N, C-alpha and C. Protein backbone atom coordinates (compact mmCIF):
# COMPACT_ATOMS: atom_id res chain seq x y z
N MET A 1 -39.66 25.85 12.73
CA MET A 1 -39.34 24.75 12.67
C MET A 1 -39.92 23.76 11.81
N SER A 2 -39.31 22.72 11.31
CA SER A 2 -40.25 21.72 11.22
C SER A 2 -38.84 20.60 11.37
N SER A 3 -39.61 19.59 11.79
CA SER A 3 -38.77 18.09 12.38
C SER A 3 -38.45 17.29 10.87
N GLU A 4 -39.05 17.65 10.15
CA GLU A 4 -39.23 16.80 8.39
C GLU A 4 -37.40 16.96 8.23
N ILE A 5 -37.15 15.73 7.98
CA ILE A 5 -35.93 15.68 7.00
C ILE A 5 -35.83 16.44 5.19
N SER A 6 -35.05 16.95 5.33
CA SER A 6 -34.55 17.68 4.07
C SER A 6 -34.58 16.36 3.14
N PRO A 7 -35.26 17.20 1.55
CA PRO A 7 -35.16 16.17 0.38
C PRO A 7 -33.64 15.37 0.60
N HIS A 8 -33.56 14.35 -0.09
CA HIS A 8 -32.60 13.55 -0.20
C HIS A 8 -32.84 12.48 -1.21
N ILE A 9 -31.42 12.34 -1.65
CA ILE A 9 -31.60 11.29 -2.87
C ILE A 9 -30.73 10.38 -2.03
N ILE A 10 -30.57 8.62 -2.58
CA ILE A 10 -29.35 7.58 -2.55
C ILE A 10 -29.02 7.22 -3.16
N LEU A 11 -27.68 6.88 -3.62
CA LEU A 11 -26.93 7.06 -5.39
C LEU A 11 -26.25 5.41 -4.88
N PRO A 12 -26.75 5.15 -5.29
CA PRO A 12 -26.09 3.49 -5.57
C PRO A 12 -25.03 3.53 -5.74
N GLU A 13 -23.87 2.43 -5.14
CA GLU A 13 -22.51 1.90 -5.14
C GLU A 13 -22.30 2.64 -6.63
N ALA A 14 -20.85 3.19 -6.56
CA ALA A 14 -20.40 3.18 -8.14
C ALA A 14 -19.71 1.30 -8.60
N LYS A 15 -19.78 1.49 -9.83
CA LYS A 15 -19.37 0.27 -10.48
C LYS A 15 -17.64 0.47 -10.54
N LEU A 16 -16.98 -0.64 -10.27
CA LEU A 16 -15.76 -0.24 -10.95
C LEU A 16 -15.38 -1.23 -12.01
N ALA A 17 -14.61 -0.24 -12.85
CA ALA A 17 -14.50 -0.75 -14.48
C ALA A 17 -12.79 -1.89 -14.26
N PHE A 18 -12.92 -2.80 -15.23
CA PHE A 18 -12.27 -4.00 -14.78
C PHE A 18 -11.72 -4.38 -15.70
N HIS A 19 -12.18 -3.47 -17.06
CA HIS A 19 -11.27 -3.78 -18.59
C HIS A 19 -11.66 -2.56 -19.36
N ALA A 20 -10.53 -2.56 -20.26
CA ALA A 20 -10.73 -0.84 -21.23
C ALA A 20 -11.88 -1.39 -22.50
N GLU A 21 -11.43 -2.25 -22.79
CA GLU A 21 -12.48 -2.57 -24.10
C GLU A 21 -13.94 -3.56 -23.53
N ARG A 22 -13.55 -3.67 -22.57
CA ARG A 22 -15.22 -4.48 -22.32
C ARG A 22 -15.72 -3.73 -21.43
N PRO A 23 -16.75 -2.70 -21.49
CA PRO A 23 -17.55 -1.71 -20.28
C PRO A 23 -18.47 -3.01 -19.20
N GLU A 24 -19.24 -3.83 -19.82
CA GLU A 24 -19.39 -5.03 -19.11
C GLU A 24 -18.56 -5.56 -17.87
N ASP A 25 -17.44 -5.61 -17.88
CA ASP A 25 -16.72 -5.85 -16.93
C ASP A 25 -16.59 -5.28 -15.91
N THR A 26 -17.80 -4.81 -14.77
CA THR A 26 -17.71 -4.23 -13.93
C THR A 26 -18.60 -4.63 -12.23
N GLU A 27 -18.12 -4.20 -11.66
CA GLU A 27 -18.08 -5.01 -10.23
C GLU A 27 -18.43 -3.93 -9.02
N ILE A 28 -19.20 -3.47 -7.83
CA ILE A 28 -19.13 -2.91 -7.30
C ILE A 28 -18.37 -3.34 -6.06
N HIS A 29 -17.68 -4.71 -5.87
CA HIS A 29 -17.10 -5.20 -5.02
C HIS A 29 -15.22 -5.07 -5.75
N PRO A 30 -14.31 -4.89 -5.21
CA PRO A 30 -13.10 -4.09 -5.73
C PRO A 30 -12.59 -5.62 -5.81
N LEU A 31 -12.95 -6.86 -4.60
CA LEU A 31 -12.22 -8.17 -4.74
C LEU A 31 -12.65 -8.98 -5.61
N ARG A 32 -14.21 -8.80 -5.49
CA ARG A 32 -15.02 -9.78 -6.15
C ARG A 32 -15.27 -9.64 -7.97
N GLY A 33 -14.20 -8.08 -7.96
CA GLY A 33 -14.31 -8.14 -10.20
C GLY A 33 -12.56 -8.45 -9.73
N LEU A 34 -11.76 -8.30 -9.11
CA LEU A 34 -10.49 -8.67 -9.46
C LEU A 34 -10.44 -10.27 -9.64
N LEU A 35 -11.11 -11.07 -8.76
CA LEU A 35 -11.59 -12.24 -9.00
C LEU A 35 -12.33 -12.82 -10.40
N LYS A 36 -13.42 -12.18 -10.92
CA LYS A 36 -13.98 -12.63 -12.06
C LYS A 36 -13.16 -12.03 -13.02
N PHE A 37 -13.01 -10.76 -13.17
CA PHE A 37 -12.36 -10.01 -14.38
C PHE A 37 -10.96 -9.92 -14.84
N GLY A 38 -9.94 -9.86 -12.99
CA GLY A 38 -8.26 -9.46 -13.28
C GLY A 38 -8.34 -8.07 -13.22
N PRO A 39 -7.40 -7.82 -13.04
CA PRO A 39 -7.13 -6.29 -12.99
C PRO A 39 -6.98 -5.87 -14.23
N TYR A 40 -7.46 -4.44 -13.91
CA TYR A 40 -7.96 -3.64 -15.49
C TYR A 40 -6.45 -3.56 -15.87
N SER A 41 -5.13 -3.50 -15.11
CA SER A 41 -4.21 -3.71 -16.16
C SER A 41 -3.53 -4.81 -16.63
N LYS A 42 -4.45 -6.45 -16.85
CA LYS A 42 -4.01 -7.09 -16.43
C LYS A 42 -3.29 -7.14 -18.07
N GLY A 43 -2.06 -7.93 -18.21
CA GLY A 43 -1.42 -8.01 -19.21
C GLY A 43 -0.37 -6.91 -19.50
N LEU A 44 -0.37 -5.46 -19.17
CA LEU A 44 0.81 -4.23 -19.24
C LEU A 44 1.62 -5.02 -18.31
N VAL A 45 1.55 -5.62 -17.14
CA VAL A 45 2.48 -5.80 -16.31
C VAL A 45 3.31 -7.39 -16.00
N PRO A 46 4.95 -6.80 -16.98
CA PRO A 46 5.33 -8.48 -16.66
C PRO A 46 5.69 -8.87 -15.72
N GLY A 47 5.15 -10.24 -15.56
CA GLY A 47 6.05 -10.85 -14.00
C GLY A 47 7.22 -11.54 -14.05
N PRO A 48 8.13 -11.18 -12.99
CA PRO A 48 7.29 -11.64 -11.52
C PRO A 48 7.02 -9.59 -11.25
N ILE A 49 6.63 -9.47 -10.03
CA ILE A 49 6.37 -8.42 -9.86
C ILE A 49 7.73 -8.01 -8.88
N ARG A 50 9.00 -7.15 -8.66
CA ARG A 50 9.88 -7.42 -7.59
C ARG A 50 9.71 -6.44 -6.90
N VAL A 51 9.44 -6.87 -5.60
CA VAL A 51 9.10 -5.72 -4.56
C VAL A 51 10.39 -5.47 -3.86
N ALA A 52 10.91 -3.98 -3.71
CA ALA A 52 12.33 -3.74 -2.88
C ALA A 52 11.24 -3.06 -1.67
N THR A 53 12.30 -3.05 -0.76
CA THR A 53 11.45 -2.95 0.74
C THR A 53 12.43 -1.98 1.45
N ILE A 54 11.95 -0.59 2.14
CA ILE A 54 12.47 -0.18 3.32
C ILE A 54 11.51 -0.56 5.14
N ALA A 55 12.21 -0.59 5.56
CA ALA A 55 11.74 -0.82 7.06
C ALA A 55 12.70 -0.27 8.32
N PRO A 56 12.04 0.15 9.11
CA PRO A 56 13.28 0.72 10.76
C PRO A 56 13.88 -0.52 10.67
N PHE A 57 14.78 0.14 11.34
CA PHE A 57 15.83 -0.90 11.61
C PHE A 57 15.75 -1.90 12.73
N LYS A 58 15.86 -3.04 12.02
CA LYS A 58 16.31 -4.79 12.54
C LYS A 58 14.29 -4.84 12.64
N ASP A 59 13.32 -4.27 11.99
CA ASP A 59 11.92 -4.51 11.56
C ASP A 59 11.69 -5.05 10.28
N GLY A 60 13.04 -5.63 9.50
CA GLY A 60 12.21 -5.68 7.70
C GLY A 60 11.22 -7.39 8.04
N GLN A 61 11.30 -7.83 8.83
CA GLN A 61 10.41 -9.21 9.11
C GLN A 61 9.11 -8.81 8.72
N PRO A 62 8.82 -7.87 9.74
CA PRO A 62 7.04 -8.06 9.19
C PRO A 62 6.88 -7.87 7.81
N LEU A 63 7.23 -7.05 7.53
CA LEU A 63 7.63 -6.40 6.43
C LEU A 63 7.80 -7.62 5.17
N TYR A 64 8.65 -8.52 5.36
CA TYR A 64 8.74 -9.56 4.44
C TYR A 64 7.71 -10.84 4.58
N ASP A 65 7.01 -10.80 6.04
CA ASP A 65 6.27 -11.89 6.33
C ASP A 65 4.78 -11.55 5.62
N PHE A 66 4.29 -10.35 5.88
CA PHE A 66 3.26 -9.55 4.95
C PHE A 66 3.10 -10.06 3.03
N MET A 67 4.67 -9.88 3.13
CA MET A 67 5.11 -9.95 1.12
C MET A 67 4.41 -11.77 1.11
N LYS A 68 4.94 -12.35 1.87
CA LYS A 68 4.54 -13.68 1.98
C LYS A 68 3.02 -14.00 2.39
N GLU A 69 2.53 -13.53 3.02
CA GLU A 69 1.48 -13.91 3.22
C GLU A 69 0.37 -13.11 1.97
N LEU A 70 0.68 -11.90 1.22
CA LEU A 70 -0.08 -11.78 0.12
C LEU A 70 -0.05 -13.21 -0.98
N ASN A 71 1.18 -13.76 -0.82
CA ASN A 71 1.18 -15.15 -1.70
C ASN A 71 0.37 -15.99 -1.30
N GLN A 72 0.06 -15.98 -0.19
CA GLN A 72 -1.16 -17.29 0.26
C GLN A 72 -2.60 -17.25 0.32
N SER A 73 -3.09 -18.47 0.11
CA SER A 73 -4.72 -17.73 0.43
C SER A 73 -5.48 -17.72 1.82
N PHE A 74 -6.22 -17.21 1.98
CA PHE A 74 -6.83 -17.35 3.43
C PHE A 74 -8.41 -17.05 3.32
N PRO A 75 -8.82 -17.79 3.98
CA PRO A 75 -10.56 -18.07 4.00
C PRO A 75 -10.47 -16.38 4.78
N ALA A 76 -12.06 -15.89 4.17
CA ALA A 76 -12.45 -14.39 5.61
C ALA A 76 -12.97 -14.80 6.48
N THR A 77 -12.52 -14.49 7.55
CA THR A 77 -12.94 -14.85 9.18
C THR A 77 -13.59 -13.38 9.51
N GLU A 78 -14.15 -13.01 9.02
CA GLU A 78 -14.51 -11.65 9.93
C GLU A 78 -15.42 -10.98 8.66
N ARG A 79 -16.50 -10.51 9.09
CA ARG A 79 -16.92 -9.64 7.87
C ARG A 79 -17.45 -10.07 6.56
N LYS A 80 -17.80 -11.70 6.89
CA LYS A 80 -17.73 -12.58 5.91
C LYS A 80 -19.14 -11.96 4.76
N ASP A 81 -19.72 -11.10 4.86
CA ASP A 81 -21.32 -10.62 4.10
C ASP A 81 -20.06 -9.47 3.09
N TYR A 82 -19.23 -9.11 3.48
CA TYR A 82 -18.12 -7.97 2.48
C TYR A 82 -17.01 -8.72 2.23
N LEU A 83 -15.71 -8.96 3.19
CA LEU A 83 -14.62 -9.89 2.73
C LEU A 83 -15.03 -10.93 2.31
N GLN A 84 -13.84 -11.38 1.19
CA GLN A 84 -13.75 -11.90 0.48
C GLN A 84 -12.48 -13.55 0.73
N PRO A 85 -12.71 -14.60 0.48
CA PRO A 85 -11.82 -15.45 0.67
C PRO A 85 -10.26 -15.16 0.05
N TRP A 86 -8.71 -15.02 0.18
CA TRP A 86 -7.93 -14.66 -0.63
C TRP A 86 -7.35 -15.60 -1.10
N PRO A 87 -7.49 -15.62 -2.15
CA PRO A 87 -6.91 -17.03 -3.09
C PRO A 87 -5.67 -16.55 -3.01
N GLY A 88 -4.66 -15.66 -2.84
CA GLY A 88 -3.30 -15.49 -3.47
C GLY A 88 -3.33 -14.26 -4.35
N PHE A 89 -1.78 -13.59 -4.41
CA PHE A 89 -1.65 -12.57 -5.23
C PHE A 89 -1.79 -12.71 -6.63
N GLY A 90 -1.00 -14.36 -6.76
CA GLY A 90 -0.78 -14.72 -8.09
C GLY A 90 -2.29 -15.18 -8.55
N ASN A 91 -3.31 -15.32 -7.96
CA ASN A 91 -4.70 -15.97 -8.58
C ASN A 91 -5.48 -14.95 -8.74
N VAL A 92 -5.27 -13.75 -7.82
CA VAL A 92 -5.57 -12.30 -7.89
C VAL A 92 -4.98 -11.29 -9.48
N PHE A 93 -3.94 -11.44 -9.19
CA PHE A 93 -3.62 -10.32 -10.12
C PHE A 93 -3.11 -11.23 -11.58
N GLY A 94 -2.92 -12.66 -11.77
CA GLY A 94 -2.19 -13.24 -12.69
C GLY A 94 -1.18 -12.83 -12.84
N THR A 95 -0.38 -12.76 -11.59
CA THR A 95 1.05 -12.37 -12.04
C THR A 95 1.75 -12.67 -10.93
N LYS A 96 3.16 -13.35 -10.49
CA LYS A 96 3.60 -13.40 -9.28
C LYS A 96 4.59 -12.34 -8.93
N MET A 97 4.54 -12.46 -7.38
CA MET A 97 5.45 -11.11 -6.64
C MET A 97 5.92 -11.89 -5.97
N THR A 98 7.71 -11.19 -6.01
CA THR A 98 8.73 -11.60 -5.32
C THR A 98 9.80 -10.69 -4.94
N GLY A 99 10.34 -10.89 -3.73
CA GLY A 99 11.11 -9.71 -3.26
C GLY A 99 12.05 -9.88 -4.33
N ALA A 100 12.97 -8.43 -4.77
CA ALA A 100 13.73 -7.73 -5.63
C ALA A 100 15.19 -8.33 -5.08
N ALA A 101 15.86 -7.90 -5.32
CA ALA A 101 17.18 -8.09 -4.99
C ALA A 101 17.97 -8.07 -3.80
N LYS A 102 18.45 -8.36 -3.22
CA LYS A 102 19.27 -8.39 -1.75
C LYS A 102 19.70 -6.97 -1.67
N ASP A 103 19.90 -5.92 -2.16
CA ASP A 103 20.55 -4.85 -1.94
C ASP A 103 19.18 -3.78 -2.20
N CYS A 104 18.15 -4.35 -2.39
CA CYS A 104 16.84 -3.61 -2.74
C CYS A 104 16.52 -3.54 -1.40
N HIS A 105 17.16 -4.15 -0.60
CA HIS A 105 16.01 -4.03 0.75
C HIS A 105 16.56 -3.42 1.84
N LEU A 106 16.08 -2.20 2.55
CA LEU A 106 17.07 -0.82 2.99
C LEU A 106 16.32 -1.15 4.62
N GLN A 107 16.88 -0.87 5.61
CA GLN A 107 16.59 -0.87 6.86
C GLN A 107 17.27 0.54 7.02
N LEU A 108 16.06 1.75 7.77
CA LEU A 108 16.42 2.91 8.00
C LEU A 108 17.57 2.98 9.16
N PRO A 109 18.14 4.19 9.16
CA PRO A 109 19.06 4.37 10.48
C PRO A 109 18.50 3.80 11.91
N GLU A 110 19.22 3.06 12.50
CA GLU A 110 19.02 2.75 14.41
C GLU A 110 18.79 4.00 14.96
N THR A 111 19.19 4.77 14.29
CA THR A 111 19.02 6.07 15.69
C THR A 111 17.82 7.09 14.97
N LEU A 112 17.21 6.70 14.05
CA LEU A 112 16.23 7.43 13.73
C LEU A 112 14.91 7.35 14.49
N GLU A 113 14.67 6.50 15.43
CA GLU A 113 13.50 6.44 16.56
C GLU A 113 14.20 7.39 17.74
N GLY A 114 15.06 7.27 17.97
CA GLY A 114 15.72 8.40 19.18
C GLY A 114 15.19 9.63 18.36
N ASP A 115 15.69 9.85 17.33
CA ASP A 115 15.66 10.90 16.31
C ASP A 115 14.24 11.77 16.67
N LEU A 116 13.27 11.09 15.70
CA LEU A 116 11.61 11.43 16.05
C LEU A 116 10.96 11.49 17.37
N ASP A 117 11.98 11.03 18.47
CA ASP A 117 11.05 11.24 19.75
C ASP A 117 12.07 12.73 20.48
N ARG A 118 13.33 13.02 19.86
CA ARG A 118 13.67 14.02 20.55
C ARG A 118 13.43 15.61 19.06
N SER A 119 12.72 15.01 18.02
CA SER A 119 12.55 16.01 17.56
C SER A 119 11.52 17.17 17.88
N GLU A 120 11.54 18.44 17.18
CA GLU A 120 10.16 19.32 17.48
C GLU A 120 9.52 19.33 16.07
N THR A 121 10.19 18.68 15.09
CA THR A 121 9.55 18.65 13.87
C THR A 121 9.90 17.17 13.57
N PRO A 122 9.13 16.05 13.71
CA PRO A 122 9.48 14.56 13.39
C PRO A 122 8.94 14.36 11.93
N HIS A 123 8.29 15.31 11.51
CA HIS A 123 7.75 14.74 9.72
C HIS A 123 9.09 15.01 9.29
N VAL A 124 9.84 15.89 9.32
CA VAL A 124 10.53 16.49 8.61
C VAL A 124 12.12 15.52 8.85
N VAL A 125 11.76 14.86 10.22
CA VAL A 125 13.06 13.88 10.12
C VAL A 125 12.53 12.77 9.60
N LEU A 126 11.45 12.13 9.47
CA LEU A 126 10.95 10.83 8.90
C LEU A 126 10.89 11.05 7.55
N THR A 127 10.82 12.18 6.89
CA THR A 127 10.87 12.18 5.37
C THR A 127 11.65 12.51 4.73
N GLU A 128 13.22 13.27 5.61
CA GLU A 128 14.31 13.00 4.96
C GLU A 128 15.06 11.82 5.23
N ALA A 129 14.56 10.77 6.55
CA ALA A 129 15.48 9.65 6.11
C ALA A 129 14.92 9.02 4.94
N LEU A 130 13.36 8.64 4.99
CA LEU A 130 12.56 8.05 3.98
C LEU A 130 13.23 8.23 2.54
N THR A 131 13.22 9.68 2.29
CA THR A 131 13.86 10.47 0.77
C THR A 131 15.23 9.69 1.08
N ARG A 132 16.25 9.79 1.89
CA ARG A 132 17.04 9.32 1.41
C ARG A 132 17.24 7.95 1.17
N ALA A 133 16.28 7.10 1.86
CA ALA A 133 16.58 5.71 1.42
C ALA A 133 15.67 5.63 -0.09
N LEU A 134 14.74 5.89 -0.41
CA LEU A 134 14.10 6.11 -2.03
C LEU A 134 15.36 6.31 -2.76
N GLN A 135 16.25 7.65 -2.04
CA GLN A 135 17.37 8.13 -3.28
C GLN A 135 18.45 6.68 -3.81
N LEU A 136 18.77 6.17 -2.39
CA LEU A 136 19.87 4.76 -2.63
C LEU A 136 18.77 3.79 -3.59
N LEU A 137 17.36 3.57 -3.30
CA LEU A 137 16.98 2.68 -4.10
C LEU A 137 16.88 3.19 -5.33
N GLU A 138 16.86 3.98 -5.63
CA GLU A 138 16.68 5.08 -7.40
C GLU A 138 18.40 4.50 -8.05
N ALA A 139 18.91 4.39 -7.47
CA ALA A 139 20.25 3.46 -8.15
C ALA A 139 20.56 2.63 -8.71
N ARG A 140 19.28 1.82 -7.65
CA ARG A 140 18.93 0.45 -8.03
C ARG A 140 17.92 -0.29 -8.91
N ARG A 141 17.25 1.31 -9.86
CA ARG A 141 16.22 1.27 -9.86
C ARG A 141 15.93 0.28 -10.88
N SER A 142 16.80 -0.14 -11.81
CA SER A 142 16.27 -2.07 -12.67
C SER A 142 15.67 -3.20 -12.09
N GLU A 143 16.44 -3.06 -10.80
CA GLU A 143 16.48 -4.25 -9.98
C GLU A 143 15.48 -4.20 -9.40
N PHE A 144 14.25 -3.75 -9.11
CA PHE A 144 12.95 -3.25 -8.45
C PHE A 144 11.68 -2.99 -9.76
N ASP A 145 10.26 -3.16 -9.08
CA ASP A 145 8.87 -2.64 -9.85
C ASP A 145 8.20 -1.86 -8.77
N VAL A 146 8.23 -2.19 -7.75
CA VAL A 146 7.55 -1.71 -6.53
C VAL A 146 8.16 -1.70 -5.11
N VAL A 147 7.80 -0.82 -4.60
CA VAL A 147 8.24 -0.28 -2.92
C VAL A 147 7.48 -0.33 -1.81
N PHE A 148 8.16 -1.36 -0.98
CA PHE A 148 7.44 -1.65 0.02
C PHE A 148 7.44 -0.70 1.41
N ILE A 149 6.93 0.03 1.71
CA ILE A 149 7.68 0.95 2.90
C ILE A 149 7.01 0.80 4.02
N TYR A 150 7.65 0.57 4.97
CA TYR A 150 6.65 0.05 6.70
C TYR A 150 7.18 1.07 7.52
N VAL A 151 6.29 1.80 7.84
CA VAL A 151 6.54 2.83 8.85
C VAL A 151 5.41 2.17 10.04
N PRO A 152 6.05 2.35 10.76
CA PRO A 152 4.93 1.55 12.15
C PRO A 152 4.46 2.89 12.78
N ILE A 153 3.07 1.97 13.36
CA ILE A 153 2.24 3.05 13.45
C ILE A 153 2.79 3.76 15.34
N ARG A 154 4.08 3.49 15.77
CA ARG A 154 4.38 4.23 16.50
C ARG A 154 5.58 5.41 16.41
N TRP A 155 5.24 5.80 14.87
CA TRP A 155 6.26 6.94 14.38
C TRP A 155 4.97 7.57 13.89
N LYS A 156 3.94 7.57 14.40
CA LYS A 156 2.82 8.37 13.91
C LYS A 156 3.38 9.68 14.55
N ARG A 157 3.98 10.42 14.80
CA ARG A 157 3.90 11.64 14.99
C ARG A 157 4.32 12.23 14.04
N GLY A 158 5.50 11.77 13.11
CA GLY A 158 5.88 12.45 11.80
C GLY A 158 5.41 11.74 10.78
N PHE A 159 3.74 11.06 10.99
CA PHE A 159 2.94 11.37 9.61
C PHE A 159 1.91 12.95 8.80
N GLU A 160 2.04 13.52 10.04
CA GLU A 160 1.89 14.64 9.44
C GLU A 160 2.79 16.25 10.40
N GLY A 161 2.26 17.17 9.75
CA GLY A 161 3.45 18.06 10.17
C GLY A 161 2.33 19.00 11.34
N ALA A 162 2.46 20.38 11.67
CA ALA A 162 1.42 21.24 11.84
C ALA A 162 0.17 21.47 11.12
N PRO A 163 -0.78 22.02 11.97
CA PRO A 163 -2.11 22.26 10.93
C PRO A 163 -1.80 23.27 9.87
N TYR A 164 -0.93 24.13 10.19
CA TYR A 164 -0.51 25.28 9.19
C TYR A 164 0.06 24.68 8.24
N GLU A 165 0.68 23.91 8.49
CA GLU A 165 1.58 23.14 7.55
C GLU A 165 1.00 22.53 6.24
N GLY A 166 0.16 22.17 6.15
CA GLY A 166 -0.75 21.38 5.58
C GLY A 166 0.03 19.81 5.09
N PHE A 167 1.11 19.52 5.86
CA PHE A 167 2.07 18.50 5.24
C PHE A 167 1.19 17.51 5.65
N ASP A 168 1.46 15.92 4.99
CA ASP A 168 0.86 14.73 5.42
C ASP A 168 1.93 13.79 4.30
N LEU A 169 2.51 12.94 5.48
CA LEU A 169 3.65 12.05 5.12
C LEU A 169 3.46 11.10 3.66
N HIS A 170 1.94 10.58 3.59
CA HIS A 170 1.83 9.72 2.54
C HIS A 170 1.67 10.36 1.42
N ASP A 171 1.03 12.10 1.49
CA ASP A 171 0.71 12.62 -0.03
C ASP A 171 2.31 12.88 -0.38
N HIS A 172 3.48 13.62 0.50
CA HIS A 172 4.04 13.77 0.42
C HIS A 172 5.35 12.59 -0.46
N LEU A 173 5.24 11.36 -0.22
CA LEU A 173 6.35 10.45 -0.64
C LEU A 173 5.71 10.27 -2.33
């Protein structure tokens, strides 16, 4: 038996494309590329982007705060060799992001937390609650462009099913 390392090669980081007709618009770092060239879909998405929300009962404020923060600029405070200063959503994507109409912000049922805790299949309970909320939003589809869904880490039991089920909440939604 040899202690020699088996042959290998190091592949360079793949460059991301930022324009369909300008192959030179590439960058390894996603945010640097967005700042240099704008998004690949620039000009295809009319602004403003209207965001609907789904959040736990009385837990929508952190989601609204996150949306507001996305519109603000922030310096990089850690891992400065990788993280870039965030100049705000509008500066990065070239379009404004705003909240959708009032009726497009839904709270999940107050009982959901307890239902998840008591259930033998919390992933089914959570999936059904989120699916119902999405169906309610579907009736207002012309009033929003994107849905932000806040699923707190305390609901982690509902993120995956049993190993034999192959269920993943993110993939399912």
